[in-house]
């Protein structure tokens, strides 16, 4: 029986590092991203950031490449 434990620290910024992520929306944004990840069999272990960038610690399912995971999060959580 194989066991895989893939944990990835993802970081990205807003376009042009503009301060677009208001404090009052951060928790809602992280919860939304957690839902995106759960639908793809990943787990959001931790999330944080400031108005111009976010950090995510993700436990990845081995079937999906990291690049696809990032694409899915960014395309589904952008404004």
Foldseek 3Di string as FASTA:
>chain_A
DDDDWDKDKDKDWDVVLDQQQDPVCPVVLVVVLQVLQVVVVKGFPDKDDGRTMIITIIGDDVPDDPVVSVVSSPVVRDD
